Protein backbone atom coordinates (compact mmCIF):
# COMPACT_ATOMS: atom_id res chain seq x y z
CA MET A 1 84.48 126.08 79.64
CA ILE A 2 80.72 125.65 80.08
CA GLY A 3 80.16 129.31 79.28
CA SER A 4 82.14 129.06 76.05
CA ARG A 5 80.12 126.01 74.99
CA LYS A 6 76.87 127.84 75.61
CA THR A 7 78.13 130.85 73.66
CA SER A 8 79.18 128.60 70.79
CA ALA A 9 75.76 126.91 70.78
CA VAL A 10 73.99 130.28 70.73
CA ILE A 11 76.16 131.49 67.85
CA LYS A 12 75.47 128.33 65.85
CA GLU A 13 71.74 128.62 66.48
CA ASN A 14 71.74 132.28 65.42
CA ILE A 15 73.68 131.47 62.23
CA LYS A 16 71.23 128.68 61.45
CA GLY A 17 68.32 131.03 62.12
CA ILE A 18 69.74 133.69 59.78
CA PHE A 19 70.29 131.09 57.07
CA LEU A 20 66.70 129.78 57.37
CA ILE A 21 65.23 133.29 57.32
CA GLY A 22 67.30 134.17 54.24
CA LEU A 23 66.24 130.99 52.48
CA GLY A 24 62.63 131.69 53.45
CA ILE A 25 62.79 135.21 52.01
CA PHE A 26 63.97 133.97 48.61
CA SER A 27 61.46 131.11 48.56
CA ALA A 28 58.55 133.45 49.37
CA SER A 29 59.79 136.03 46.84
CA PHE A 30 59.99 133.35 44.15
CA GLY A 31 56.45 132.21 44.93
CA LEU A 32 55.15 135.76 44.74
CA LYS A 33 56.96 137.06 41.64
CA GLY A 34 57.27 133.76 39.75
CA PHE A 35 53.68 132.60 40.25
CA LEU A 36 51.13 134.75 42.10
CA LEU A 37 51.76 138.38 41.21
CA PRO A 38 51.89 138.07 37.39
CA ASN A 39 48.68 136.02 37.38
CA GLN A 40 46.60 138.09 39.83
CA PHE A 41 46.45 135.38 42.50
CA ILE A 42 46.53 136.20 46.18
CA ASP A 43 47.21 134.42 49.45
CA GLY A 44 45.74 134.88 52.91
CA GLY A 45 46.91 137.22 55.66
CA VAL A 46 48.90 140.42 55.25
CA THR A 47 50.50 139.04 52.10
CA GLY A 48 47.03 138.56 50.60
CA ILE A 49 46.01 142.09 51.55
CA SER A 50 49.21 143.45 49.99
CA LEU A 51 48.65 141.49 46.77
CA LEU A 52 45.03 142.64 46.61
CA VAL A 53 45.95 146.30 47.08
CA ALA A 54 48.80 145.96 44.55
CA HIS A 55 46.29 144.65 41.97
CA ALA A 56 43.86 147.47 42.68
CA THR A 57 46.40 150.32 42.80
CA VAL A 58 49.79 151.29 41.34
CA ILE A 59 51.61 150.90 44.67
CA PRO A 60 54.43 148.30 44.37
CA LEU A 61 54.03 145.05 46.30
CA TYR A 62 57.35 145.43 48.11
CA VAL A 63 56.21 148.75 49.60
CA LEU A 64 52.83 147.38 50.67
CA ILE A 65 54.24 144.27 52.34
CA PHE A 66 56.61 146.36 54.44
CA VAL A 67 54.18 149.17 55.35
CA ILE A 68 51.16 146.98 56.17
CA ASN A 69 53.27 144.74 58.40
CA ILE A 70 54.68 147.60 60.50
CA PRO A 71 51.72 147.76 62.98
CA PHE A 72 51.99 144.00 63.53
CA ILE A 73 55.74 144.27 64.18
CA ILE A 74 55.05 146.96 66.80
CA LEU A 75 52.40 144.70 68.33
CA ALA A 76 54.91 141.83 68.45
CA TYR A 77 57.43 144.11 70.17
CA TRP A 78 55.02 144.82 73.03
CA GLN A 79 53.14 141.52 73.23
CA ILE A 80 55.66 138.79 72.36
CA SER A 81 59.34 139.77 72.66
CA LYS A 82 61.81 142.36 71.46
CA ILE A 83 64.07 139.75 69.84
CA PHE A 84 61.17 138.22 67.91
CA ALA A 85 60.01 141.67 66.76
CA ILE A 86 63.52 142.61 65.59
CA LYS A 87 63.93 139.33 63.68
CA THR A 88 60.50 139.78 62.11
CA PHE A 89 61.33 143.35 61.10
CA VAL A 90 64.57 142.22 59.46
CA ALA A 91 62.81 139.31 57.70
CA ILE A 92 59.99 141.48 56.31
CA ALA A 93 62.43 144.21 55.30
CA GLY A 94 64.57 141.58 53.58
CA LEU A 95 61.51 140.25 51.74
CA SER A 96 60.67 143.75 50.53
CA VAL A 97 64.25 144.35 49.35
CA VAL A 98 64.38 141.06 47.44
CA LEU A 99 60.99 141.73 45.82
CA ALA A 100 62.22 145.18 44.76
CA THR A 101 65.66 144.19 43.44
CA VAL A 102 65.64 140.55 42.30
CA ASN A 103 63.97 139.52 39.04
CA PHE A 104 62.34 136.09 39.01
CA PRO A 105 61.07 134.48 35.79
CA VAL A 106 57.35 133.85 35.38
CA ILE A 107 57.21 130.05 35.57
CA THR A 108 53.75 129.23 34.24
CA TYR A 109 50.35 130.65 33.34
CA ASP A 110 48.48 127.44 34.16
CA LYS A 111 46.07 128.43 36.94
CA LEU A 112 46.17 125.13 38.81
CA LEU A 113 49.98 125.01 38.77
CA ILE A 114 50.11 128.62 39.94
CA ALA A 115 47.79 127.89 42.86
CA ILE A 116 49.66 124.77 43.96
CA PHE A 117 53.30 125.72 43.41
CA GLY A 118 52.85 129.41 44.20
CA GLY A 119 51.37 128.37 47.55
CA LEU A 120 54.10 125.79 48.04
CA PHE A 121 56.97 128.25 47.59
CA LEU A 122 55.24 131.02 49.54
CA GLY A 123 54.30 128.66 52.37
CA GLY A 124 57.80 127.19 52.33
CA GLY A 125 59.24 130.66 52.74
CA VAL A 126 56.98 131.49 55.66
CA GLY A 127 57.67 128.11 57.29
CA LEU A 128 61.46 128.49 56.96
CA SER A 129 61.31 131.97 58.47
CA VAL A 130 59.31 130.59 61.41
CA ARG A 131 61.98 127.93 61.94
CA GLY A 132 64.47 130.79 61.95
CA GLY A 133 62.59 132.61 64.72
CA SER A 134 60.55 135.20 62.80
CA VAL A 135 57.47 135.55 60.59
CA LEU A 136 56.91 137.03 57.14
CA ASP A 137 53.24 137.78 57.76
CA GLY A 138 51.80 139.73 60.69
CA THR A 139 48.39 138.05 60.69
CA GLU A 140 49.39 135.41 63.25
CA ILE A 141 50.67 138.12 65.60
CA LEU A 142 47.30 139.91 65.50
CA ALA A 143 45.42 136.62 65.87
CA LEU A 144 47.48 135.75 68.95
CA PHE A 145 46.80 139.18 70.47
CA ILE A 146 43.03 139.04 69.87
CA GLY A 147 42.84 135.39 70.94
CA ARG A 148 44.42 136.20 74.32
CA ARG A 149 41.94 139.00 74.98
CA TYR A 150 38.75 137.30 73.84
CA GLU A 151 39.63 133.65 74.52
CA ALA A 152 39.27 132.68 70.86
CA SER A 153 41.58 130.25 69.12
CA ILE A 154 44.31 131.57 66.83
CA GLY A 155 43.05 129.32 64.04
CA ASP A 156 39.56 130.82 64.28
CA MET A 157 40.94 134.36 64.14
CA ILE A 158 43.10 133.64 61.07
CA LEU A 159 40.14 131.94 59.37
CA ILE A 160 37.92 134.99 59.94
CA PHE A 161 40.61 137.32 58.54
CA ASN A 162 41.05 135.19 55.45
CA VAL A 163 37.31 134.84 54.80
CA ILE A 164 37.13 138.65 54.69
CA ILE A 165 40.19 138.85 52.40
CA PHE A 166 38.92 136.25 49.91
CA THR A 167 35.45 137.82 49.90
CA CYS A 168 37.04 141.14 48.92
CA ALA A 169 39.11 139.30 46.30
CA ALA A 170 35.95 137.89 44.74
CA PHE A 171 34.60 141.44 44.23
CA ILE A 172 37.88 142.95 43.01
CA LEU A 173 39.44 140.11 40.99
CA GLY A 174 36.40 137.97 40.20
CA ILE A 175 35.03 134.68 41.49
CA GLU A 176 37.42 132.37 39.61
CA PRO A 177 40.70 134.06 40.71
CA ALA A 178 39.35 134.16 44.27
CA LEU A 179 38.62 130.42 44.22
CA TYR A 180 42.08 129.64 42.86
CA SER A 181 43.53 131.94 45.52
CA ILE A 182 41.83 129.81 48.18
CA LEU A 183 43.71 126.80 46.73
CA THR A 184 46.91 128.86 46.99
CA TYR A 185 46.19 129.59 50.63
CA LEU A 186 45.48 125.92 51.40
CA ALA A 187 48.71 124.82 49.68
CA ALA A 188 50.68 127.48 51.56
CA SER A 189 49.17 126.65 54.96
CA LYS A 190 49.82 122.91 54.55
CA THR A 191 53.41 123.61 53.51
CA ILE A 192 53.90 125.85 56.54
CA ASP A 193 52.51 123.15 58.85
CA TYR A 194 54.82 120.52 57.40
CA ILE A 195 57.96 122.67 57.57
CA VAL A 196 57.27 123.97 61.08
CA GLU A 197 56.07 120.65 62.50
CA GLY A 198 57.03 118.06 59.88
CA VAL A 199 58.04 114.59 60.97
CA GLU A 200 58.92 116.07 64.39
CA GLU A 201 55.32 116.91 65.22
CA TYR A 202 54.53 116.00 68.81
CA THR A 203 52.24 113.00 69.16
CA GLY A 204 50.45 111.80 72.28
CA VAL A 205 50.56 108.03 72.79
CA THR A 206 48.23 106.14 75.13
CA ILE A 207 49.04 102.53 76.04
CA ILE A 208 46.72 100.13 77.86
CA SER A 209 48.37 96.90 78.95
CA PHE A 210 48.12 94.42 81.82
CA LYS A 211 51.93 94.38 81.77
CA SER A 212 52.09 98.12 82.37
CA ALA A 213 54.99 97.89 84.86
CA LYS A 214 57.27 96.34 82.23
CA VAL A 215 56.01 98.74 79.55
CA LYS A 216 56.75 101.73 81.80
CA ARG A 217 60.26 100.48 82.50
CA ILE A 218 61.18 99.83 78.87
CA LEU A 219 59.82 103.18 77.66
CA MET A 220 61.78 105.11 80.27
CA THR A 221 65.03 103.16 79.78
CA LYS A 222 65.02 102.55 76.02
CA LEU A 223 63.21 105.68 74.84
CA GLY A 224 64.27 108.16 77.50
CA ARG A 225 60.86 109.82 77.73
CA GLY A 226 58.82 110.93 80.68
CA ILE A 227 55.52 109.13 81.15
CA THR A 228 52.25 109.82 82.96
CA ILE A 229 50.20 107.14 84.64
CA TYR A 230 46.42 107.28 84.83
CA LYS A 231 44.54 104.96 87.14
CA GLY A 232 41.84 103.24 85.15
CA LYS A 233 39.35 100.38 85.29
CA ARG A 234 38.77 97.84 82.56
CA SER A 235 35.33 96.37 82.22
CA MET A 236 35.24 92.65 81.46
CA ILE A 237 32.63 89.93 81.10
CA GLY A 238 33.46 86.50 82.41
CA LYS A 239 34.93 84.64 85.34
CA LYS A 240 38.35 86.27 85.01
CA ALA A 241 36.99 89.68 85.92
CA ASP A 242 37.21 91.09 89.43
CA LEU A 243 34.12 92.13 91.37
CA ASP A 244 31.36 93.61 89.21
CA GLY A 245 33.30 92.62 86.09
CA VAL A 246 35.82 95.47 86.53
CA SER A 247 39.61 95.29 87.00
CA ASP A 248 42.02 98.03 88.01
CA MET A 249 44.92 98.85 85.72
CA ASP A 250 47.48 101.57 84.88
CA ILE A 251 47.04 103.57 81.68
CA ILE A 252 50.31 104.92 80.28
CA PHE A 253 50.54 108.23 78.45
CA THR A 254 53.64 109.76 76.85
CA ILE A 255 54.52 112.35 74.21
CA VAL A 256 56.96 111.55 71.39
CA THR A 257 57.68 112.87 67.91
CA LYS A 258 56.11 111.35 64.83
CA LEU A 259 59.42 109.68 63.96
CA GLU A 260 59.42 107.80 67.27
CA ILE A 261 55.97 106.22 66.98
CA GLY A 262 57.31 103.10 65.25
CA LYS A 263 59.93 102.63 67.94
CA VAL A 264 57.31 102.98 70.70
CA LYS A 265 55.06 100.37 69.06
CA LYS A 266 57.97 97.94 68.71
CA LEU A 267 59.08 98.37 72.34
CA VAL A 268 55.54 97.85 73.63
CA ASN A 269 54.96 94.90 71.30
CA ASP A 270 58.12 93.22 72.63
CA VAL A 271 56.59 93.32 76.12
CA ASP A 272 52.91 92.78 75.37
CA GLU A 273 51.62 91.85 71.92
CA LYS A 274 48.03 92.36 73.08
CA ALA A 275 48.57 95.92 74.36
CA PHE A 276 46.12 98.52 73.09
CA ILE A 277 47.88 101.58 71.63
CA TYR A 278 46.42 104.72 70.10
CA TYR A 279 48.04 108.06 69.27
CA PHE A 280 47.04 111.50 68.08
CA PRO A 281 48.81 114.74 67.05
CA ILE A 282 49.43 117.43 69.66
CA SER A 283 49.65 121.03 68.47
CA ASN A 284 51.44 122.40 71.56
CA ALA A 285 53.63 120.81 74.22
CA LYS A 286 56.14 122.39 76.56
CA GLY A 287 58.30 121.34 79.50
CA GLY A 288 58.81 117.87 80.93
CA VAL A 289 61.08 115.30 79.32
CA LEU A 290 60.42 116.15 75.68
CA LYS A 291 62.69 115.85 72.70
CA ARG A 292 63.53 119.45 71.85
CA ARG A 293 62.61 120.38 68.30
CA PRO A 294 65.03 122.63 66.39
CA LEU A 295 64.61 126.36 67.04
CA HIS A 296 61.57 125.87 69.27
């Protein structure tokens, strides 16, 4: 019985992943053929390189996107996982097929609209494919590989790649198209961040309260989250302070999603209206008692 439930859950997750990848392929294709390609705009990463080469040569975009991504797919096969590499291969192949066979109307020739909405649809496609368990651009795979070897952040690696790409674009396409292409990249990257993380982005919450025992209890019972306790000292001035004007206290730390921040504040406020709360986004979190985000 348990085995059949697990199998059913895996099947549902795979179907959902296929649907998201398919939706991502069509969204990215629409952004490319409906906005960027007809107006000589590019994006960052492998897609940007493919667009740049397509502008400079007679090689079709769908061929370039597939061929240039092949080394990154091989790298993913050896460095990440076979399943991820297979999904990525299928997604990129699907993107190439759609670009080659499906005709999308040119939506606008307004440069600002092209930059914003072209980036939005392209970034949306990439983000949806990531939610489905693959990528449509091999740049992140290479950045992850280099970052592991040279202890550099993935963000820094991607930034360096894109600076090189947009510099080349300025020489080949001109300064103005290159500047608009940077706007496209920014719109795409923000869209990817929102779709991948969205309102379920992990957020670290720190709570300082003299009623920490009650706060701990209500967070664990009402919210169902694991918490970490730091031993701290609070400096005070006045007769109420302990020796040397310092008092011991527990500092509570927990990780929730962005949607749960309001609930945490309400629960803490019900116990201690004077509690000090601050929170900040967390890019990576794994293990412990965390709310599992879809397809992560």
